Amino acid sequence: MASRILEVDATQGVNIMKALGSESRIQILRLLSESPMNIQELGRALGLSQPAVTRHVQDLVDAGLINTEYKAGVQGMQKECSLRYTRVIVTFGTAEKVDDQIEEVQMPLGLYTLVNATPPSGLLDIKRPIGKLDDPQAFFHPDRFSAQLLYMSGGFVEYIFPCTLPPTVEITRLDLSMEVCSEAPHHNLEYPSDITVWINNVEIGTWTSPADFGGKRGRLTPSWWDDSHSQYGVLKIWTVDDEGAYVDGTPVSNVNLKQLLVAPQQPITIRVGVKPDAEHQGGINLFGRGFGNYEQDLILRLHYANARRPRRGAATVGQEAAVEAESVPGASGKIGAR
């Protein structure tokens, strides 16, 4: 699922933050995220007068967050409003210049391409367990595509993300966002797990989850799933750029983008798991948009800019990656248990 993302520096985005500092304008953005609406429709939905809605809409237009255009309606020409961006990211501090463009792909939990799950393990959708509860055979069930909670006591799960960026751009940063925690019997607030991420078969770093969170209902967790079980996770972001790899901005390794062979027009393999020799063997819970506290699936963001023209006779980044990728073992992704 692709998204339109605006990333701004805090020092340059004051007008945007002012526009977002109104409950009415936030409600307008939420309404427009569903479908375009005209001024009268927004007024009825919000219970506001037409002049009030017009002022709010103008503030959002001035901030560059929505578009407006006049269209013929039942009562003549109507100003129709539409959302320009589905997400706004604000960067604080004096770090390097914010990337101009971002491509985002959301991957549903059940669309994995390879899995090696240590039992107890299984899948849930928003209505019921998929297959039998705590049975690894659930990972091969036809209904796995609707999974909203994936849990395993050990092992890994792997996904292949498409990269449809044109060869004329250069990828400058990769972010992987997920809601995740340990997996204990029922739940356990003191149950660490060393959760590792690999990209294109290269280990980029490990985060130690402190617990399997339960006892308090997750914001999105369905009511049929008992509070004593895993309820929610922690939103974590693994990042790789030209200098290294990070979890929530904290360095975890020196692995950089060049080592990952990430390039336009090349699929990207993501693996999440617990290594067999990890100090804390606490399993994994992965939450989809229908479980936990965050309404999202696994999200891959690719930050990119116009590529510098290569020197005559030099291979492009994409050509280099394509050649080197042929030598990477295990590049094909089949669903199966090891």
Protein backbone atom coordinates (compact mmCIF):
# COMPACT_ATOMS: atom_id res chain seq x y z
CA MET A 1 0.00 0.00 0.00
CA ALA A 2 1.67 3.21 -1.15
CA SER A 3 1.46 6.46 0.81
CA ARG A 4 2.11 10.11 0.01
CA ILE A 5 4.57 11.40 2.58
CA LEU A 6 5.77 14.91 3.36
CA GLU A 7 9.00 15.12 5.40
CA VAL A 8 9.92 18.57 6.71
CA ASP A 9 12.56 20.09 8.94
CA ALA A 10 11.06 21.56 12.11
CA THR A 11 12.72 24.93 11.51
CA GLN A 12 11.16 25.18 8.05
CA GLY A 13 7.77 23.66 8.81
CA VAL A 14 6.37 26.08 11.39
CA ASN A 15 3.36 26.91 9.20
CA ILE A 16 2.57 23.21 8.89
CA MET A 17 2.72 22.66 12.64
CA LYS A 18 0.52 25.71 13.21
CA ALA A 19 -2.01 24.30 10.76
CA LEU A 20 -2.00 21.00 12.66
CA GLY A 21 -2.53 22.81 15.98
CA SER A 22 -6.32 22.82 15.65
CA GLU A 23 -8.69 19.97 16.46
CA SER A 24 -11.08 21.11 13.73
CA ARG A 25 -8.34 21.09 11.09
CA ILE A 26 -7.18 17.65 12.22
CA GLN A 27 -10.78 16.43 11.84
CA ILE A 28 -10.88 17.90 8.34
CA LEU A 29 -7.72 15.99 7.41
CA ARG A 30 -9.17 12.77 8.81
CA LEU A 31 -12.35 13.23 6.76
CA LEU A 32 -10.37 13.97 3.60
CA SER A 33 -8.26 10.86 4.15
CA GLU A 34 -11.42 8.88 3.37
CA SER A 35 -12.47 10.83 0.25
CA PRO A 36 -12.55 14.37 -1.19
CA MET A 37 -15.32 16.61 0.23
CA ASN A 38 -16.64 20.09 -0.50
CA ILE A 39 -17.06 22.93 2.01
CA GLN A 40 -20.72 22.21 2.68
CA GLU A 41 -20.07 18.49 3.27
CA LEU A 42 -17.27 19.28 5.70
CA GLY A 43 -19.49 21.76 7.55
CA ARG A 44 -22.26 19.18 7.99
CA ALA A 45 -19.82 16.50 9.14
CA LEU A 46 -18.17 18.81 11.69
CA GLY A 47 -21.17 20.85 12.75
CA LEU A 48 -19.41 24.09 11.75
CA SER A 49 -20.60 27.08 9.78
CA GLN A 50 -19.47 27.55 6.19
CA PRO A 51 -17.29 30.62 7.02
CA ALA A 52 -15.54 28.67 9.80
CA VAL A 53 -14.85 25.72 7.51
CA THR A 54 -13.60 28.05 4.78
CA ARG A 55 -11.07 29.63 7.17
CA HIS A 56 -9.81 26.23 8.32
CA VAL A 57 -9.53 25.00 4.73
CA GLN A 58 -7.56 28.09 3.73
CA ASP A 59 -5.11 27.51 6.59
CA LEU A 60 -4.56 23.94 5.38
CA VAL A 61 -4.12 25.12 1.78
CA ASP A 62 -1.59 27.74 2.88
CA ALA A 63 0.34 25.02 4.71
CA GLY A 64 0.36 22.87 1.57
CA LEU A 65 -1.52 20.01 3.21
CA ILE A 66 -4.63 19.94 0.98
CA ASN A 67 -5.67 20.86 -2.54
CA THR A 68 -8.87 22.64 -3.58
CA GLU A 69 -10.59 22.99 -6.93
CA TYR A 70 -14.00 24.15 -8.09
CA LYS A 71 -16.33 21.49 -9.47
CA ALA A 72 -19.91 21.63 -10.71
CA GLY A 73 -22.46 20.57 -8.10
CA VAL A 74 -26.21 20.44 -7.61
CA GLN A 75 -26.20 24.02 -6.34
CA GLY A 76 -23.63 25.41 -8.76
CA MET A 77 -19.85 25.40 -8.44
CA GLN A 78 -18.52 23.86 -5.23
CA LYS A 79 -15.00 24.05 -3.78
CA GLU A 80 -13.84 20.44 -3.43
CA CYS A 81 -11.02 19.66 -1.00
CA SER A 82 -8.63 16.71 -1.24
CA LEU A 83 -5.71 15.47 0.84
CA ARG A 84 -2.20 15.99 -0.54
CA TYR A 85 -0.36 13.74 1.91
CA THR A 86 -1.30 10.71 3.99
CA ARG A 87 1.55 11.23 6.44
CA VAL A 88 3.71 14.12 7.66
CA ILE A 89 7.13 13.45 9.22
CA VAL A 90 8.82 16.27 11.15
CA THR A 91 12.59 16.09 11.66
CA PHE A 92 14.07 17.97 14.65
CA GLY A 93 17.64 19.10 15.19
CA THR A 94 20.29 20.24 12.77
CA ALA A 95 20.94 16.99 10.97
CA GLU A 96 21.66 16.78 7.27
CA LYS A 97 19.13 18.08 4.76
CA VAL A 98 15.84 16.21 4.69
CA ASP A 99 15.45 13.91 1.70
CA ASP A 100 13.23 15.27 -1.03
CA GLN A 101 11.15 12.15 -1.67
CA ILE A 102 10.04 8.94 0.03
CA GLU A 103 8.44 5.77 -1.26
CA GLU A 104 6.54 3.73 1.32
CA VAL A 105 5.24 0.16 1.10
CA GLN A 106 3.08 -1.45 3.80
CA MET A 107 3.32 -5.24 3.89
CA PRO A 108 0.48 -7.21 5.55
CA LEU A 109 1.76 -9.69 8.15
CA GLY A 110 0.45 -12.74 6.30
CA LEU A 111 2.28 -12.01 3.03
CA TYR A 112 5.56 -13.57 4.15
CA THR A 113 7.59 -15.64 1.67
CA LEU A 114 9.55 -17.81 4.10
CA VAL A 115 8.98 -18.86 7.69
CA ASN A 116 10.73 -21.06 10.24
CA ALA A 117 8.59 -20.86 13.39
CA THR A 118 9.44 -22.56 16.69
CA PRO A 119 6.26 -23.65 18.54
CA PRO A 120 4.21 -22.51 20.31
CA SER A 121 3.53 -20.27 17.34
CA GLY A 122 0.64 -19.17 15.19
CA LEU A 123 -1.46 -16.50 13.55
CA LEU A 124 -4.60 -14.57 14.48
CA ASP A 125 -6.92 -12.40 12.43
CA ILE A 126 -9.36 -9.86 13.84
CA LYS A 127 -12.07 -12.51 14.43
CA ARG A 128 -10.34 -15.76 15.41
CA PRO A 129 -7.15 -17.83 15.35
CA ILE A 130 -6.06 -18.92 11.89
CA GLY A 131 -6.00 -22.71 11.90
CA LYS A 132 -5.39 -24.24 15.31
CA LEU A 133 -4.08 -22.09 18.15
CA ASP A 134 -0.35 -22.60 18.84
CA ASP A 135 0.06 -24.83 15.77
CA PRO A 136 2.91 -23.98 13.32
CA GLN A 137 0.81 -25.47 10.50
CA ALA A 138 -1.23 -22.26 10.69
CA PHE A 139 1.57 -20.53 8.78
CA PHE A 140 0.56 -22.55 5.68
CA HIS A 141 -3.20 -22.00 6.07
CA PRO A 142 -4.96 -20.33 3.08
CA ASP A 143 -6.33 -17.65 5.43
CA ARG A 144 -2.85 -16.53 6.51
CA PHE A 145 -3.14 -13.46 4.26
CA SER A 146 -5.59 -11.89 6.75
CA ALA A 147 -3.27 -12.34 9.77
CA GLN A 148 -3.11 -9.42 12.20
CA LEU A 149 -0.95 -11.01 14.90
CA LEU A 150 2.00 -13.32 14.23
CA TYR A 151 3.76 -15.01 17.13
CA MET A 152 6.55 -17.55 17.50
CA SER A 153 8.75 -18.77 20.34
CA GLY A 154 11.78 -18.67 18.08
CA GLY A 155 12.86 -18.79 14.45
CA PHE A 156 12.21 -16.15 11.81
CA VAL A 157 9.79 -14.80 9.24
CA GLU A 158 10.82 -13.28 5.91
CA TYR A 159 9.16 -10.87 3.47
CA ILE A 160 10.03 -9.62 -0.01
CA PHE A 161 9.19 -5.95 -0.62
CA PRO A 162 8.98 -4.52 -4.13
CA CYS A 163 11.14 -1.55 -5.09
CA THR A 164 9.55 0.20 -8.06
CA LEU A 165 11.75 3.30 -8.01
CA PRO A 166 13.14 4.25 -11.42
CA PRO A 167 16.84 3.63 -12.12
CA THR A 168 17.37 7.40 -12.37
CA VAL A 169 17.22 7.87 -8.57
CA GLU A 170 19.63 7.11 -5.74
CA ILE A 171 18.38 5.52 -2.51
CA THR A 172 19.86 7.41 0.42
CA ARG A 173 18.19 5.78 3.42
CA LEU A 174 16.02 2.80 4.32
CA ASP A 175 13.60 2.65 7.27
CA LEU A 176 11.78 -0.45 8.50
CA SER A 177 8.96 0.20 10.98
CA MET A 178 7.06 -2.44 12.94
CA GLU A 179 5.14 -2.97 16.19
CA VAL A 180 6.94 -5.83 17.93
CA CYS A 181 7.66 -7.43 21.30
CA SER A 182 8.71 -10.71 22.95
CA GLU A 183 6.52 -13.84 22.98
CA ALA A 184 5.95 -15.52 26.36
CA PRO A 185 3.28 -17.96 27.55
CA HIS A 186 0.25 -15.66 28.00
CA HIS A 187 2.26 -12.46 28.70
CA ASN A 188 5.22 -11.51 30.85
CA LEU A 189 6.39 -7.97 31.64
CA GLU A 190 9.92 -9.25 32.36
CA TYR A 191 10.71 -11.45 29.35
CA PRO A 192 13.56 -10.11 27.19
CA SER A 193 14.11 -11.23 23.61
CA ASP A 194 16.93 -10.36 21.20
CA ILE A 195 15.11 -9.56 17.96
CA THR A 196 17.31 -9.24 14.89
CA VAL A 197 16.63 -7.82 11.43
CA TRP A 198 18.36 -8.91 8.21
CA ILE A 199 18.05 -7.04 4.90
CA ASN A 200 19.00 -8.84 1.69
CA ASN A 201 20.55 -11.60 3.82
CA VAL A 202 22.79 -9.13 5.70
CA GLU A 203 22.35 -8.80 9.47
CA ILE A 204 21.87 -5.12 10.29
CA GLY A 205 21.24 -5.12 14.04
CA THR A 206 19.48 -6.45 17.13
CA TRP A 207 17.06 -4.83 19.56
CA THR A 208 16.31 -6.43 22.93
CA SER A 209 12.60 -6.35 23.64
CA PRO A 210 12.04 -6.03 27.40
CA ALA A 211 8.72 -7.85 27.63
CA ASP A 212 5.67 -9.53 26.16
CA PHE A 213 3.13 -6.81 26.91
CA GLY A 214 -0.29 -7.82 28.22
CA GLY A 215 -2.64 -7.38 31.14
CA LYS A 216 -3.82 -4.11 29.61
CA ARG A 217 -5.77 -4.14 26.38
CA GLY A 218 -4.13 -2.89 23.22
CA ARG A 219 -5.88 0.05 21.60
CA LEU A 220 -6.76 -1.98 18.47
CA THR A 221 -6.78 -5.52 19.89
CA PRO A 222 -10.16 -7.25 19.32
CA SER A 223 -12.31 -7.83 22.39
CA TRP A 224 -12.40 -11.63 21.92
CA TRP A 225 -8.63 -11.91 22.59
CA ASP A 226 -8.20 -12.26 26.36
CA ASP A 227 -6.27 -9.57 28.26
CA SER A 228 -3.97 -12.22 29.71
CA HIS A 229 -2.41 -12.79 26.27
CA SER A 230 -0.08 -10.54 24.26
CA GLN A 231 -1.88 -7.24 23.74
CA TYR A 232 0.51 -4.74 22.16
CA GLY A 233 4.13 -4.13 21.26
CA VAL A 234 6.61 -1.30 20.90
CA LEU A 235 6.90 0.68 17.67
CA LYS A 236 10.51 0.28 16.51
CA ILE A 237 12.29 1.69 13.47
CA TRP A 238 15.40 0.06 12.00
CA THR A 239 17.31 2.49 9.76
CA VAL A 240 20.23 2.02 7.37
CA ASP A 241 22.02 4.85 5.56
CA ASP A 242 25.46 5.46 4.04
CA GLU A 243 27.10 5.56 7.48
CA GLY A 244 25.57 2.64 9.35
CA ALA A 245 22.51 0.97 10.90
CA TYR A 246 20.36 2.24 13.77
CA VAL A 247 17.37 1.31 15.91
CA ASP A 248 15.36 4.42 16.79
CA GLY A 249 18.43 6.50 15.99
CA THR A 250 20.82 4.50 18.23
CA PRO A 251 23.71 2.90 16.29
CA VAL A 252 23.61 -0.91 16.26
CA SER A 253 26.15 -1.79 13.53
CA ASN A 254 28.40 -0.38 10.82
CA VAL A 255 26.41 -2.05 8.03
CA ASN A 256 25.58 0.54 5.35
CA LEU A 257 23.35 0.76 2.29
CA LYS A 258 26.09 -0.23 -0.14
CA GLN A 259 26.62 -3.51 1.70
CA LEU A 260 22.89 -4.28 1.45
CA LEU A 261 22.88 -3.98 -2.38
CA VAL A 262 19.65 -1.97 -2.16
CA ALA A 263 18.95 -0.44 -5.57
CA PRO A 264 16.04 0.75 -7.74
CA GLN A 265 14.09 -1.97 -9.57
CA GLN A 266 15.47 -4.65 -7.21
CA PRO A 267 13.23 -6.43 -4.65
CA ILE A 268 14.25 -6.12 -1.00
CA THR A 269 14.23 -9.11 1.36
CA ILE A 270 13.44 -8.43 5.03
CA ARG A 271 13.88 -11.08 7.72
CA VAL A 272 12.87 -10.69 11.39
CA GLY A 273 13.87 -13.33 13.89
CA VAL A 274 15.71 -14.53 16.97
CA LYS A 275 19.13 -16.06 16.31
CA PRO A 276 19.70 -19.60 17.66
CA ASP A 277 22.67 -18.35 19.70
CA ALA A 278 20.94 -15.18 21.01
CA GLU A 279 21.43 -14.49 24.71
CA HIS A 280 17.72 -13.80 25.22
CA GLN A 281 15.57 -16.43 23.49
CA GLY A 282 12.25 -14.73 24.06
CA GLY A 283 10.44 -15.17 20.75
CA ILE A 284 8.56 -12.60 18.67
CA ASN A 285 5.13 -11.00 18.42
CA LEU A 286 4.48 -8.96 15.26
CA PHE A 287 1.35 -6.79 15.20
CA GLY A 288 -0.66 -5.76 12.15
CA ARG A 289 -3.03 -2.87 11.70
CA GLY A 290 -5.86 -4.72 13.51
CA PHE A 291 -3.94 -5.64 16.71
CA GLY A 292 -1.86 -3.72 19.25
CA ASN A 293 -1.56 0.05 19.57
CA TYR A 294 -0.49 1.18 16.10
CA GLU A 295 -2.68 0.98 13.01
CA GLN A 296 0.01 -0.18 10.61
CA ASP A 297 1.51 -3.27 9.01
CA LEU A 298 5.24 -3.72 8.39
CA ILE A 299 6.36 -0.49 6.71
CA LEU A 300 9.37 -0.08 4.45
CA ARG A 301 10.34 3.51 3.57
CA LEU A 302 12.90 4.28 0.90
CA HIS A 303 14.32 7.82 0.95
CA TYR A 304 15.70 8.82 -2.41
CA ALA A 305 17.01 11.68 -4.52
CA ASN A 306 18.00 12.21 -8.14
CA ALA A 307 21.03 10.07 -8.86
CA ARG A 308 24.32 11.66 -9.79
CA ARG A 309 25.27 10.89 -13.38
CA PRO A 310 27.92 8.11 -13.39
CA ARG A 311 31.33 8.65 -14.97
CA ARG A 312 31.77 7.29 -18.49
CA GLY A 313 32.46 3.58 -18.34
CA ALA A 314 31.30 3.25 -14.73
CA ALA A 315 28.42 0.95 -13.82
CA THR A 316 25.33 2.46 -12.24
CA VAL A 317 24.31 1.53 -8.70
CA GLY A 318 21.49 -0.63 -10.05
CA GLN A 319 23.85 -2.50 -12.42
CA GLU A 320 26.35 -3.14 -9.64
CA ALA A 321 23.60 -4.42 -7.32
CA ALA A 322 22.14 -6.67 -10.00
CA VAL A 323 25.50 -8.29 -10.66
CA GLU A 324 26.42 -8.69 -6.99
CA ALA A 325 22.96 -9.97 -6.03
CA GLU A 326 23.47 -13.05 -8.22
CA SER A 327 26.13 -14.25 -5.79
CA VAL A 328 23.98 -13.84 -2.65
CA PRO A 329 22.82 -17.28 -1.41
CA GLY A 330 19.19 -17.85 -0.57
CA ALA A 331 17.93 -15.01 -2.76
CA SER A 332 14.80 -16.92 -3.82
CA GLY A 333 11.90 -16.84 -1.39
CA LYS A 334 9.76 -19.95 -0.99
CA ILE A 335 7.32 -20.50 1.81
CA GLY A 336 8.53 -23.40 3.91
CA ALA A 337 9.81 -24.66 7.23
CA ARG A 338 13.39 -25.61 7.80
